[in-house]
Protein backbone atom coordinates (compact mmCIF):
# COMPACT_ATOMS: atom_id res chain seq x y z
CA MET A 1 -29.71 -10.89 59.41
CA VAL A 2 -27.24 -11.78 56.68
CA ASP A 3 -25.79 -8.93 54.74
CA PHE A 4 -26.87 -9.46 51.16
CA LYS A 5 -23.81 -7.74 49.70
CA LYS A 6 -21.43 -9.95 51.71
CA ALA A 7 -23.28 -13.09 50.66
CA VAL A 8 -23.14 -12.15 46.97
CA LEU A 9 -19.43 -11.35 47.31
CA ILE A 10 -18.66 -14.68 49.01
CA ILE A 11 -20.65 -16.66 46.43
CA THR A 12 -18.92 -14.78 43.61
CA VAL A 13 -15.45 -15.47 45.08
CA ILE A 14 -16.27 -19.16 45.59
CA GLY A 15 -17.64 -19.37 42.03
CA LEU A 16 -14.50 -17.76 40.66
CA LEU A 17 -12.30 -20.20 42.59
CA PHE A 18 -14.11 -23.13 40.95
CA TYR A 19 -14.02 -21.50 37.53
CA MET A 20 -10.34 -20.43 37.55
CA PRO A 21 -8.66 -23.86 37.29
CA SER A 22 -10.48 -24.69 34.06
CA SER A 23 -9.79 -21.29 32.49
CA GLY A 24 -6.16 -21.24 33.74
CA TYR A 25 -5.27 -24.56 32.06
CA CYS A 26 -2.53 -23.11 29.84
CA GLN A 27 -0.69 -21.79 32.88
CA ASN A 28 -0.40 -25.27 34.44
CA ASN A 29 0.93 -26.94 31.27
CA ASN A 30 4.53 -25.63 31.46
CA THR A 31 5.32 -26.73 27.89
CA ALA A 32 6.19 -24.86 24.77
CA GLU A 33 6.85 -25.93 21.20
CA VAL A 34 9.97 -24.57 19.56
CA PRO A 35 11.05 -25.67 16.06
CA LEU A 36 14.56 -27.18 16.15
CA MET A 37 16.83 -27.96 13.21
CA LEU A 38 20.10 -29.86 13.65
CA SER A 39 22.85 -29.82 11.05
CA ILE A 40 25.66 -32.37 11.20
CA PRO A 41 28.64 -31.65 8.95
CA PRO A 42 29.78 -34.39 6.55
CA VAL A 43 32.42 -36.67 8.04
CA SER A 44 33.90 -40.07 7.21
CA LEU A 45 36.12 -42.46 9.13
CA ILE A 46 37.74 -45.71 8.00
CA ASN A 47 39.62 -48.39 9.91
CA PHE A 48 40.65 -52.07 9.92
CA ALA A 49 39.96 -54.90 12.30
CA VAL A 50 41.89 -58.16 12.15
CA ASP A 51 40.83 -61.59 13.40
CA GLY A 52 42.95 -64.66 13.96
CA GLU A 53 46.44 -65.05 15.32
CA GLN A 54 48.27 -63.32 12.48
CA VAL A 55 49.58 -59.85 13.24
CA ILE A 56 48.90 -57.43 10.40
CA THR A 57 50.60 -54.06 10.44
CA TYR A 58 48.50 -51.06 9.56
CA SER A 59 48.59 -47.35 10.22
CA TYR A 60 45.81 -44.97 11.14
CA SER A 61 46.13 -41.23 11.57
CA LEU A 62 43.80 -39.08 13.67
CA LEU A 63 44.85 -36.16 11.48
CA GLU A 64 43.70 -37.97 8.33
CA PRO A 65 40.91 -40.32 9.43
CA ASN A 66 39.74 -40.83 5.85
CA ASN A 67 42.53 -43.24 4.91
CA VAL A 68 44.30 -46.24 6.39
CA GLU A 69 47.30 -48.24 5.17
CA GLN A 70 47.90 -51.97 5.60
CA ILE A 71 51.18 -53.87 5.14
CA ILE A 72 50.37 -57.23 3.54
CA ASN A 73 52.17 -60.40 2.46
CA PRO A 74 51.17 -63.65 0.75
CA ASN A 75 49.91 -65.03 4.08
CA THR A 76 47.55 -62.14 4.82
CA GLY A 77 44.55 -64.06 3.47
CA ASP A 78 41.01 -63.12 4.49
CA ASN A 79 41.21 -62.03 8.11
CA THR A 80 40.92 -58.26 7.56
CA TRP A 81 37.66 -56.37 8.10
CA LEU A 82 37.12 -52.90 6.69
CA ASN A 83 34.98 -50.72 9.02
CA TYR A 84 33.73 -47.23 8.24
CA SER A 85 31.37 -44.49 9.39
CA SER A 86 29.95 -41.89 7.07
CA ILE A 87 27.75 -38.80 7.24
CA VAL A 88 26.97 -37.20 3.88
CA ASN A 89 25.08 -34.13 2.70
CA PRO A 90 21.76 -34.73 0.90
CA GLY A 91 22.39 -35.94 -2.64
CA ALA A 92 26.03 -36.88 -1.99
CA THR A 93 27.65 -40.26 -1.36
CA ASN A 94 31.07 -41.51 -0.33
CA TYR A 95 33.22 -44.17 -1.97
CA ILE A 96 36.31 -46.15 -0.93
CA THR A 97 39.35 -46.69 -3.14
CA ALA A 98 42.32 -49.04 -2.74
CA ASN A 99 45.80 -48.85 -4.21
CA ILE A 100 49.32 -50.14 -3.63
CA SER A 101 50.95 -47.16 -1.95
CA SER A 102 54.45 -48.53 -1.43
CA GLY A 103 56.48 -51.50 -2.56
CA SER A 104 56.33 -53.19 -5.91
CA LEU A 105 55.41 -56.60 -7.20
CA PRO A 106 57.52 -58.62 -9.65
CA ALA A 107 56.17 -58.59 -13.22
CA ASP A 108 54.79 -62.13 -12.93
CA VAL A 109 52.93 -61.52 -9.63
CA THR A 110 49.47 -60.01 -9.35
CA LEU A 111 47.64 -59.09 -6.18
CA ARG A 112 43.85 -59.12 -6.10
CA VAL A 113 41.45 -58.15 -3.35
CA VAL A 114 37.89 -59.45 -3.00
CA ILE A 115 35.50 -57.20 -1.07
CA SER A 116 32.51 -58.90 0.55
CA GLU A 117 29.06 -57.45 1.15
CA ASP A 118 28.59 -55.61 4.45
CA VAL A 119 27.67 -58.22 7.07
CA GLY A 120 24.83 -56.07 8.42
CA PHE A 121 25.71 -55.31 12.04
CA GLY A 122 25.71 -51.55 11.47
CA SER A 123 22.97 -49.24 10.26
CA GLY A 124 22.19 -46.84 7.45
CA ALA A 125 23.10 -46.80 3.76
CA THR A 126 26.26 -48.93 3.72
CA GLY A 127 28.01 -49.08 0.38
CA THR A 128 27.95 -51.53 -2.51
CA PRO A 129 31.19 -53.50 -2.97
CA ILE A 130 32.68 -53.76 -6.48
CA GLY A 131 33.53 -57.40 -5.80
CA GLU A 132 37.11 -58.00 -6.93
CA ILE A 133 39.88 -55.81 -8.30
CA THR A 134 43.52 -56.31 -9.23
CA LEU A 135 45.50 -53.89 -7.09
CA SER A 136 47.86 -51.39 -8.68
CA SER A 137 49.39 -48.06 -7.74
CA TYR A 138 46.33 -46.33 -9.23
CA PRO A 139 43.41 -45.89 -6.76
CA GLN A 140 40.40 -48.00 -7.79
CA ASN A 141 36.88 -47.98 -6.39
CA ILE A 142 36.13 -50.95 -4.16
CA ILE A 143 32.95 -49.74 -2.39
CA VAL A 144 30.55 -47.15 -3.87
CA ASN A 145 27.27 -45.41 -2.98
CA ILE A 146 28.00 -45.05 0.74
CA GLY A 147 25.40 -42.87 2.41
CA SER A 148 25.04 -41.87 6.05
CA CYS A 149 25.83 -45.07 7.92
CA TYR A 150 28.17 -47.04 10.11
CA THR A 151 29.28 -50.65 9.71
CA GLY A 152 30.06 -51.30 13.34
CA SER A 153 33.59 -51.63 14.66
CA GLY A 154 35.75 -54.70 14.99
CA THR A 155 35.99 -58.13 13.43
CA ASN A 156 32.95 -59.61 11.71
CA ARG A 157 31.71 -56.07 11.09
CA GLY A 158 31.76 -54.19 7.79
CA HIS A 159 33.32 -55.78 4.70
CA ARG A 160 35.72 -58.73 4.73
CA LEU A 161 38.81 -58.23 2.55
CA THR A 162 40.33 -61.32 0.95
CA TYR A 163 43.75 -60.98 -0.67
CA ILE A 164 44.65 -63.35 -3.51
CA TRP A 165 48.26 -63.56 -4.67
CA ASP A 166 48.90 -65.03 -8.11
CA ASN A 167 52.36 -66.64 -8.31
CA PRO A 168 53.42 -65.59 -4.78
CA GLU A 169 56.64 -67.68 -4.96
CA SER A 170 58.20 -64.91 -7.07
CA TYR A 171 57.61 -62.40 -4.28
CA ASN A 172 60.23 -62.93 -1.56
CA TYR A 173 58.31 -61.25 1.27
CA SER A 174 60.83 -61.73 4.08
CA ASN A 175 63.69 -60.26 2.02
CA LYS A 176 61.62 -57.32 0.75
CA TYR A 177 60.16 -56.59 4.20
CA GLU A 178 63.61 -56.48 5.78
CA ASN A 179 64.77 -54.07 3.06
CA GLY A 180 61.76 -51.76 3.52
CA GLN A 181 60.06 -52.79 0.28
CA ALA A 182 56.97 -54.45 1.73
CA ILE A 183 53.66 -54.06 -0.06
CA ALA A 184 51.43 -51.44 1.53
CA VAL A 185 47.81 -51.01 0.43
CA THR A 186 46.04 -47.73 1.22
CA TYR A 187 42.26 -47.52 1.55
CA THR A 188 40.71 -44.04 1.26
CA ILE A 189 37.13 -42.88 1.78
CA THR A 190 36.15 -39.84 -0.29
CA SER A 191 33.01 -37.83 -0.98
CA THR A 192 31.43 -37.39 -4.41
CA GLU A 193 30.99 -33.68 -3.61
């Protein structure tokens, strides 16, 4: 004779074993949702890349990564690429200026720089080039409305810079360079904030 109480207990335990996995679903999931907010502080970096055989002297400082200086001469031409990375706060943009930071040009010599469009190998809101400016000792905008972006690094990345010398025969580069009077152009990236 089967004990009725034992049979009911066994059936109840077996029934609970079948029922538990479906009611214990949340215990087997092992996931949780937690809201996460990341904040990246604004930062900007600027650098040159040079293609071709010509050696172009430039300086870059890890202490001041927002500017870079290039020593140029009438043969510099169009083999310089301006690369930059930028992270901006919402509503802000960065811009790049250029100016002659050392050396002087004779009165009959002008130095222009043409800034090309970004070639598109980077990502984000790269800036809008002004096109062409005549360089002076006063910083002038050359690229504006730079958002959070990067142009890529190296030659054929970012914006090509083309230097145009008007009446370069009046500028005796070799003599001035030897006497420490070479033309240096400084490019600086700055925030509108």
